[in-house]
């Protein structure tokens, strides 16, 4: 992980503001979901990308019955039918 050199204070509700330059660089727009991950003693923010419920892939994922499934898993399931 590469340090960016930006320090922000958290407000009373635990909120921080991501600098506009970072939001623009990572294409994070207002109202879009952000995923919060914990890795050891690090907190990581990522643009949310739905993952396949079966294989956790984020490539070619579509929603089906309120769950996500990727094209590869759809093809694999269809081969059993």
PDB file of N, CA and C in Angstrom:
ATOM      1  N   UNK A   1       0.851  -1.176   0.000  1.00  0.00           N
ATOM      2  CA  UNK A   1       0.000   0.000   0.000  1.00  0.00           C
ATOM      3  C   UNK A   1       0.896   1.237   0.000  1.00  0.00           C
ATOM      4  N   UNK A   2       0.636   2.152  -0.902  1.00  0.00           N
ATOM      5  CA  UNK A   2       1.450   3.357  -1.046  1.00  0.00           C
ATOM      6  C   UNK A   2       0.804   4.519  -0.296  1.00  0.00           C
ATOM      7  N   UNK A   3       1.529   5.164   0.640  1.00  0.00           N
ATOM      8  CA  UNK A   3       0.942   6.306   1.348  1.00  0.00           C
ATOM      9  C   UNK A   3       0.708   7.479   0.398  1.00  0.00           C
ATOM     10  N   UNK A   4      -0.397   8.199   0.631  1.00  0.00           N
ATOM     11  CA  UNK A   4      -0.753   9.321  -0.226  1.00  0.00           C
ATOM     12  C   UNK A   4      -0.290  10.637   0.398  1.00  0.00           C
ATOM     13  N   UNK A   5      -0.167  10.691   1.710  1.00  0.00           N
ATOM     14  CA  UNK A   5       0.290  11.897   2.375  1.00  0.00           C
ATOM     15  C   UNK A   5      -0.806  12.879   2.712  1.00  0.00           C
ATOM     16  N   UNK A   6      -2.052  12.429   2.797  1.00  0.00           N
ATOM     17  CA  UNK A   6      -3.186  13.290   3.133  1.00  0.00           C
ATOM     18  C   UNK A   6      -3.668  12.898   4.525  1.00  0.00           C
ATOM     19  N   UNK A   7      -3.831  13.880   5.392  1.00  0.00           N
ATOM     20  CA  UNK A   7      -4.330  13.626   6.746  1.00  0.00           C
ATOM     21  C   UNK A   7      -5.662  14.348   6.891  1.00  0.00           C
ATOM     22  N   UNK A   8      -6.658  13.644   7.378  1.00  0.00           N
ATOM     23  CA  UNK A   8      -7.982  14.222   7.608  1.00  0.00           C
ATOM     24  C   UNK A   8      -8.420  13.888   9.030  1.00  0.00           C
ATOM     25  N   UNK A   9      -9.196  14.769   9.640  1.00  0.00           N
ATOM     26  CA  UNK A   9      -9.775  14.506  10.962  1.00  0.00           C
ATOM     27  C   UNK A   9     -11.151  13.892  10.785  1.00  0.00           C
ATOM     28  N   UNK A  10     -11.480  12.989  11.674  1.00  0.00           N
ATOM     29  CA  UNK A  10     -12.793  12.359  11.680  1.00  0.00           C
ATOM     30  C   UNK A  10     -13.742  13.254  12.479  1.00  0.00           C
ATOM     31  N   UNK A  11     -15.001  13.382  12.022  1.00  0.00           N
ATOM     32  CA  UNK A  11     -15.960  14.197  12.770  1.00  0.00           C
ATOM     33  C   UNK A  11     -16.608  13.366  13.875  1.00  0.00           C
ATOM     34  N   UNK A  12     -17.552  13.976  14.600  1.00  0.00           N
ATOM     35  CA  UNK A  12     -18.194  13.307  15.742  1.00  0.00           C
ATOM     36  C   UNK A  12     -18.934  12.040  15.356  1.00  0.00           C
ATOM     37  N   UNK A  13     -19.381  11.943  14.113  1.00  0.00           N
ATOM     38  CA  UNK A  13     -20.117  10.765  13.655  1.00  0.00           C
ATOM     39  C   UNK A  13     -19.207   9.730  12.978  1.00  0.00           C
ATOM     40  N   UNK A  14     -17.893   9.955  13.011  1.00  0.00           N
ATOM     41  CA  UNK A  14     -16.958   9.001  12.421  1.00  0.00           C
ATOM     42  C   UNK A  14     -16.729   9.201  10.935  1.00  0.00           C
ATOM     43  N   UNK A  15     -17.172  10.319  10.394  1.00  0.00           N
ATOM     44  CA  UNK A  15     -17.034  10.566   8.959  1.00  0.00           C
ATOM     45  C   UNK A  15     -15.717  11.266   8.650  1.00  0.00           C
ATOM     46  N   UNK A  16     -15.179  10.949   7.465  1.00  0.00           N
ATOM     47  CA  UNK A  16     -14.027  11.656   6.932  1.00  0.00           C
ATOM     48  C   UNK A  16     -14.361  12.071   5.501  1.00  0.00           C
ATOM     49  N   UNK A  17     -13.663  13.054   4.997  1.00  0.00           N
ATOM     50  CA  UNK A  17     -13.871  13.496   3.622  1.00  0.00           C
ATOM     51  C   UNK A  17     -12.673  13.054   2.803  1.00  0.00           C
ATOM     52  N   UNK A  18     -12.945  12.331   1.727  1.00  0.00           N
ATOM     53  CA  UNK A  18     -11.875  11.958   0.806  1.00  0.00           C
ATOM     54  C   UNK A  18     -11.595  13.152  -0.092  1.00  0.00           C
ATOM     55  N   UNK A  19     -10.334  13.506  -0.261  1.00  0.00           N
ATOM     56  CA  UNK A  19     -10.018  14.649  -1.126  1.00  0.00           C
ATOM     57  C   UNK A  19     -10.555  14.447  -2.544  1.00  0.00           C
ATOM     58  N   UNK A  20     -10.973  15.548  -3.154  1.00  0.00           N
ATOM     59  CA  UNK A  20     -11.540  15.505  -4.497  1.00  0.00           C
ATOM     60  C   UNK A  20     -10.578  14.851  -5.486  1.00  0.00           C
ATOM     61  N   UNK A  21      -9.284  15.115  -5.340  1.00  0.00           N
ATOM     62  CA  UNK A  21      -8.299  14.541  -6.264  1.00  0.00           C
ATOM     63  C   UNK A  21      -8.293  13.005  -6.198  1.00  0.00           C
ATOM     64  N   UNK A  22      -8.475  12.439  -5.003  1.00  0.00           N
ATOM     65  CA  UNK A  22      -8.535  10.975  -4.869  1.00  0.00           C
ATOM     66  C   UNK A  22      -9.841  10.425  -5.428  1.00  0.00           C
ATOM     67  N   UNK A  23     -10.953  11.116  -5.133  1.00  0.00           N
ATOM     68  CA  UNK A  23     -12.249  10.660  -5.658  1.00  0.00           C
ATOM     69  C   UNK A  23     -12.233  10.668  -7.180  1.00  0.00           C
ATOM     70  N   UNK A  24     -11.642  11.705  -7.759  1.00  0.00           N
ATOM     71  CA  UNK A  24     -11.569  11.802  -9.214  1.00  0.00           C
ATOM     72  C   UNK A  24     -10.647  10.724  -9.781  1.00  0.00           C
ATOM     73  N   UNK A  25      -9.489  10.553  -9.169  1.00  0.00           N
ATOM     74  CA  UNK A  25      -8.502   9.564  -9.636  1.00  0.00           C
ATOM     75  C   UNK A  25      -9.070   8.149  -9.643  1.00  0.00           C
ATOM     76  N   UNK A  26      -9.850   7.811  -8.614  1.00  0.00           N
ATOM     77  CA  UNK A  26     -10.399   6.455  -8.498  1.00  0.00           C
ATOM     78  C   UNK A  26     -11.854   6.363  -8.926  1.00  0.00           C
ATOM     79  N   UNK A  27     -12.338   7.410  -9.603  1.00  0.00           N
ATOM     80  CA  UNK A  27     -13.697   7.446 -10.137  1.00  0.00           C
ATOM     81  C   UNK A  27     -14.744   7.072  -9.095  1.00  0.00           C
ATOM     82  N   UNK A  28     -14.645   7.709  -7.931  1.00  0.00           N
ATOM     83  CA  UNK A  28     -15.594   7.495  -6.839  1.00  0.00           C
ATOM     84  C   UNK A  28     -16.523   8.707  -6.807  1.00  0.00           C
ATOM     85  N   UNK A  29     -17.772   8.504  -7.207  1.00  0.00           N
ATOM     86  CA  UNK A  29     -18.724   9.603  -7.326  1.00  0.00           C
ATOM     87  C   UNK A  29     -19.703   9.616  -6.164  1.00  0.00           C
ATOM     88  N   UNK A  30     -20.285  10.779  -5.927  1.00  0.00           N
ATOM     89  CA  UNK A  30     -21.264  10.947  -4.860  1.00  0.00           C
ATOM     90  C   UNK A  30     -22.405   9.948  -5.017  1.00  0.00           C
ATOM     91  N   UNK A  31     -22.771   9.307  -3.920  1.00  0.00           N
ATOM     92  CA  UNK A  31     -23.892   8.384  -3.924  1.00  0.00           C
ATOM     93  C   UNK A  31     -23.540   6.950  -4.294  1.00  0.00           C
ATOM     94  N   UNK A  32     -22.329   6.715  -4.784  1.00  0.00           N
ATOM     95  CA  UNK A  32     -21.923   5.348  -5.137  1.00  0.00           C
ATOM     96  C   UNK A  32     -21.480   4.601  -3.884  1.00  0.00           C
ATOM     97  N   UNK A  33     -21.745   3.290  -3.822  1.00  0.00           N
ATOM     98  CA  UNK A  33     -21.354   2.529  -2.641  1.00  0.00           C
ATOM     99  C   UNK A  33     -19.837   2.357  -2.545  1.00  0.00           C
ATOM    100  N   UNK A  34     -19.353   2.354  -1.305  1.00  0.00           N
ATOM    101  CA  UNK A  34     -17.938   2.149  -1.004  1.00  0.00           C
ATOM    102  C   UNK A  34     -17.848   0.963  -0.048  1.00  0.00           C
ATOM    103  N   UNK A  35     -16.938   0.064  -0.309  1.00  0.00           N
ATOM    104  CA  UNK A  35     -16.752  -1.108   0.544  1.00  0.00           C
ATOM    105  C   UNK A  35     -15.644  -0.818   1.553  1.00  0.00           C
ATOM    106  N   UNK A  36     -15.876  -1.187   2.804  1.00  0.00           N
ATOM    107  CA  UNK A  36     -14.888  -0.986   3.862  1.00  0.00           C
ATOM    108  C   UNK A  36     -14.329  -2.359   4.231  1.00  0.00           C
ATOM    109  N   UNK A  37     -13.022  -2.523   4.043  1.00  0.00           N
ATOM    110  CA  UNK A  37     -12.351  -3.786   4.319  1.00  0.00           C
ATOM    111  C   UNK A  37     -11.345  -3.583   5.444  1.00  0.00           C
ATOM    112  N   UNK A  38     -11.095  -4.623   6.219  1.00  0.00           N
ATOM    113  CA  UNK A  38     -10.088  -4.577   7.265  1.00  0.00           C
ATOM    114  C   UNK A  38      -9.058  -5.649   6.962  1.00  0.00           C
ATOM    115  N   UNK A  39      -7.798  -5.245   6.950  1.00  0.00           N
ATOM    116  CA  UNK A  39      -6.705  -6.169   6.677  1.00  0.00           C
ATOM    117  C   UNK A  39      -5.639  -5.931   7.747  1.00  0.00           C
ATOM    118  N   UNK A  40      -5.585  -6.833   8.716  1.00  0.00           N
ATOM    119  CA  UNK A  40      -4.682  -6.628   9.846  1.00  0.00           C
ATOM    120  C   UNK A  40      -5.123  -5.400  10.613  1.00  0.00           C
ATOM    121  N   UNK A  41      -4.223  -4.412  10.737  1.00  0.00           N
ATOM    122  CA  UNK A  41      -4.592  -3.180  11.430  1.00  0.00           C
ATOM    123  C   UNK A  41      -4.834  -2.027  10.455  1.00  0.00           C
ATOM    124  N   UNK A  42      -5.122  -2.373   9.187  1.00  0.00           N
ATOM    125  CA  UNK A  42      -5.405  -1.370   8.162  1.00  0.00           C
ATOM    126  C   UNK A  42      -6.892  -1.380   7.794  1.00  0.00           C
ATOM    127  N   UNK A  43      -7.450  -0.198   7.587  1.00  0.00           N
ATOM    128  CA  UNK A  43      -8.815  -0.037   7.078  1.00  0.00           C
ATOM    129  C   UNK A  43      -8.680   0.395   5.629  1.00  0.00           C
ATOM    130  N   UNK A  44      -9.330  -0.354   4.732  1.00  0.00           N
ATOM    131  CA  UNK A  44      -9.198  -0.103   3.297  1.00  0.00           C
ATOM    132  C   UNK A  44     -10.562   0.279   2.730  1.00  0.00           C
ATOM    133  N   UNK A  45     -10.604   1.358   1.970  1.00  0.00           N
ATOM    134  CA  UNK A  45     -11.820   1.772   1.277  1.00  0.00           C
ATOM    135  C   UNK A  45     -11.661   1.424  -0.189  1.00  0.00           C
ATOM    136  N   UNK A  46     -12.673   0.787  -0.763  1.00  0.00           N
ATOM    137  CA  UNK A  46     -12.664   0.443  -2.186  1.00  0.00           C
ATOM    138  C   UNK A  46     -14.001   0.789  -2.796  1.00  0.00           C
ATOM    139  N   UNK A  47     -13.972   1.109  -4.080  1.00  0.00           N
ATOM    140  CA  UNK A  47     -15.215   1.230  -4.827  1.00  0.00           C
ATOM    141  C   UNK A  47     -15.902  -0.125  -4.752  1.00  0.00           C
ATOM    142  N   UNK A  48     -17.178  -0.136  -4.432  1.00  0.00           N
ATOM    143  CA  UNK A  48     -17.887  -1.414  -4.325  1.00  0.00           C
ATOM    144  C   UNK A  48     -18.108  -2.019  -5.703  1.00  0.00           C
ATOM    145  N   UNK A  49     -17.751  -3.266  -5.831  1.00  0.00           N
ATOM    146  CA  UNK A  49     -18.012  -4.027  -7.049  1.00  0.00           C
ATOM    147  C   UNK A  49     -18.655  -5.339  -6.615  1.00  0.00           C
ATOM    148  N   UNK A  50     -19.868  -5.634  -7.080  1.00  0.00           N
ATOM    149  CA  UNK A  50     -20.520  -6.881  -6.672  1.00  0.00           C
ATOM    150  C   UNK A  50     -19.680  -8.090  -7.057  1.00  0.00           C
ATOM    151  N   UNK A  51     -19.692  -9.100  -6.180  1.00  0.00           N
ATOM    152  CA  UNK A  51     -18.937 -10.326  -6.404  1.00  0.00           C
ATOM    153  C   UNK A  51     -19.883 -11.495  -6.615  1.00  0.00           C
ATOM    154  N   UNK A  52     -19.468 -12.447  -7.420  1.00  0.00           N
ATOM    155  CA  UNK A  52     -20.242 -13.658  -7.655  1.00  0.00           C
ATOM    156  C   UNK A  52     -20.433 -14.409  -6.334  1.00  0.00           C
ATOM    157  N   UNK A  53     -21.643 -14.843  -6.074  1.00  0.00           N
ATOM    158  CA  UNK A  53     -21.952 -15.573  -4.844  1.00  0.00           C
ATOM    159  C   UNK A  53     -21.260 -16.927  -4.781  1.00  0.00           C
ATOM    160  N   UNK A  54     -20.855 -17.463  -5.928  1.00  0.00           N
ATOM    161  CA  UNK A  54     -20.232 -18.786  -5.966  1.00  0.00           C
ATOM    162  C   UNK A  54     -18.714 -18.727  -5.933  1.00  0.00           C
ATOM    163  N   UNK A  55     -18.108 -17.894  -6.780  1.00  0.00           N
ATOM    164  CA  UNK A  55     -16.645 -17.912  -6.922  1.00  0.00           C
ATOM    165  C   UNK A  55     -15.963 -16.607  -6.503  1.00  0.00           C
ATOM    166  N   UNK A  56     -16.738 -15.606  -6.121  1.00  0.00           N
ATOM    167  CA  UNK A  56     -16.231 -14.294  -5.691  1.00  0.00           C
ATOM    168  C   UNK A  56     -15.592 -13.457  -6.798  1.00  0.00           C
ATOM    169  N   UNK A  57     -15.763 -13.848  -8.051  1.00  0.00           N
ATOM    170  CA  UNK A  57     -15.239 -13.069  -9.170  1.00  0.00           C
ATOM    171  C   UNK A  57     -15.997 -11.748  -9.267  1.00  0.00           C
ATOM    172  N   UNK A  58     -15.319 -10.712  -9.767  1.00  0.00           N
ATOM    173  CA  UNK A  58     -15.985  -9.432  -9.999  1.00  0.00           C
ATOM    174  C   UNK A  58     -16.140  -9.167 -11.496  1.00  0.00           C
ATOM    175  N   UNK A  59     -15.727 -10.118 -12.318  1.00  0.00           N
ATOM    176  CA  UNK A  59     -15.806  -9.985 -13.775  1.00  0.00           C
ATOM    177  C   UNK A  59     -17.126 -10.535 -14.302  1.00  0.00           C
ATOM    178  N   UNK A  60     -17.788  -9.802 -15.195  1.00  0.00           N
ATOM    179  CA  UNK A  60     -19.032 -10.230 -15.849  1.00  0.00           C
ATOM    180  C   UNK A  60     -20.096 -10.690 -14.854  1.00  0.00           C
ATOM    181  N   UNK A  61     -20.301  -9.897 -13.809  1.00  0.00           N
ATOM    182  CA  UNK A  61     -21.260 -10.249 -12.757  1.00  0.00           C
ATOM    183  C   UNK A  61     -22.601  -9.598 -13.052  1.00  0.00           C
ATOM    184  N   UNK A  62     -23.684 -10.375 -12.861  1.00  0.00           N
ATOM    185  CA  UNK A  62     -25.037  -9.844 -13.025  1.00  0.00           C
ATOM    186  C   UNK A  62     -25.889 -10.248 -11.826  1.00  0.00           C
ATOM    187  N   UNK A  63     -26.950  -9.487 -11.589  1.00  0.00           N
ATOM    188  CA  UNK A  63     -27.826  -9.772 -10.467  1.00  0.00           C
ATOM    189  C   UNK A  63     -28.899 -10.764 -10.893  1.00  0.00           C
ATOM    190  N   UNK A  64     -29.170 -11.744 -10.025  1.00  0.00           N
ATOM    191  CA  UNK A  64     -30.222 -12.727 -10.262  1.00  0.00           C
ATOM    192  C   UNK A  64     -30.852 -13.072  -8.917  1.00  0.00           C
ATOM    193  N   UNK A  65     -32.148 -12.828  -8.782  1.00  0.00           N
ATOM    194  CA  UNK A  65     -32.884 -13.106  -7.539  1.00  0.00           C
ATOM    195  C   UNK A  65     -32.188 -12.516  -6.306  1.00  0.00           C
ATOM    196  N   UNK A  66     -31.808 -11.242  -6.397  1.00  0.00           N
ATOM    197  CA  UNK A  66     -31.175 -10.498  -5.310  1.00  0.00           C
ATOM    198  C   UNK A  66     -29.800 -11.043  -4.915  1.00  0.00           C
ATOM    199  N   UNK A  67     -29.182 -11.806  -5.788  1.00  0.00           N
ATOM    200  CA  UNK A  67     -27.815 -12.307  -5.590  1.00  0.00           C
ATOM    201  C   UNK A  67     -27.033 -12.039  -6.858  1.00  0.00           C
ATOM    202  N   UNK A  68     -25.735 -12.148  -6.768  1.00  0.00           N
ATOM    203  CA  UNK A  68     -24.885 -11.906  -7.932  1.00  0.00           C
ATOM    204  C   UNK A  68     -24.250 -13.204  -8.399  1.00  0.00           C
ATOM    205  N   UNK A  69     -24.154 -13.356  -9.719  1.00  0.00           N
ATOM    206  CA  UNK A  69     -23.536 -14.541 -10.312  1.00  0.00           C
ATOM    207  C   UNK A  69     -22.780 -14.100 -11.577  1.00  0.00           C
ATOM    208  N   UNK A  70     -21.621 -14.715 -11.796  1.00  0.00           N
ATOM    209  CA  UNK A  70     -20.817 -14.337 -12.962  1.00  0.00           C
ATOM    210  C   UNK A  70     -21.138 -15.251 -14.149  1.00  0.00           C
ATOM    211  N   UNK A  71     -20.731 -14.815 -15.315  1.00  0.00           N
ATOM    212  CA  UNK A  71     -20.991 -15.560 -16.549  1.00  0.00           C
ATOM    213  C   UNK A  71     -20.379 -16.953 -16.489  1.00  0.00           C
ATOM    214  N   UNK A  72     -19.182 -17.082 -15.937  1.00  0.00           N
ATOM    215  CA  UNK A  72     -18.519 -18.393 -15.851  1.00  0.00           C
ATOM    216  C   UNK A  72     -19.343 -19.387 -15.029  1.00  0.00           C
ATOM    217  N   UNK A  73     -19.867 -18.925 -13.903  1.00  0.00           N
ATOM    218  CA  UNK A  73     -20.675 -19.810 -13.053  1.00  0.00           C
ATOM    219  C   UNK A  73     -22.011 -20.146 -13.713  1.00  0.00           C
ATOM    220  N   UNK A  74     -22.593 -19.175 -14.439  1.00  0.00           N
ATOM    221  CA  UNK A  74     -23.827 -19.455 -15.182  1.00  0.00           C
ATOM    222  C   UNK A  74     -23.564 -20.546 -16.203  1.00  0.00           C
ATOM    223  N   UNK A  75     -22.457 -20.425 -16.950  1.00  0.00           N
ATOM    224  CA  UNK A  75     -22.109 -21.428 -17.959  1.00  0.00           C
ATOM    225  C   UNK A  75     -21.892 -22.797 -17.320  1.00  0.00           C
ATOM    226  N   UNK A  76     -21.247 -22.803 -16.160  1.00  0.00           N
ATOM    227  CA  UNK A  76     -20.977 -24.070 -15.470  1.00  0.00           C
ATOM    228  C   UNK A  76     -22.281 -24.727 -15.000  1.00  0.00           C
ATOM    229  N   UNK A  77     -23.187 -23.923 -14.455  1.00  0.00           N
ATOM    230  CA  UNK A  77     -24.484 -24.453 -14.003  1.00  0.00           C
ATOM    231  C   UNK A  77     -25.272 -24.985 -15.186  1.00  0.00           C
ATOM    232  N   UNK A  78     -25.249 -24.258 -16.301  1.00  0.00           N
ATOM    233  CA  UNK A  78     -26.000 -24.696 -17.497  1.00  0.00           C
ATOM    234  C   UNK A  78     -25.442 -26.004 -18.048  1.00  0.00           C
ATOM    235  N   UNK A  79     -24.175 -26.284 -17.846  1.00  0.00           N
ATOM    236  CA  UNK A  79     -23.596 -27.539 -18.360  1.00  0.00           C
ATOM    237  C   UNK A  79     -24.115 -28.760 -17.610  1.00  0.00           C
ATOM    238  N   UNK A  80     -24.667 -28.549 -16.385  1.00  0.00           N
ATOM    239  CA  UNK A  80     -25.231 -29.655 -15.629  1.00  0.00           C
ATOM    240  C   UNK A  80     -26.679 -29.951 -16.020  1.00  0.00           C
ATOM    241  N   UNK A  81     -27.312 -29.004 -16.683  1.00  0.00           N
ATOM    242  CA  UNK A  81     -28.735 -29.149 -17.026  1.00  0.00           C
ATOM    243  C   UNK A  81     -28.923 -29.976 -18.263  1.00  0.00           C
TER     244      UNK A  81
END
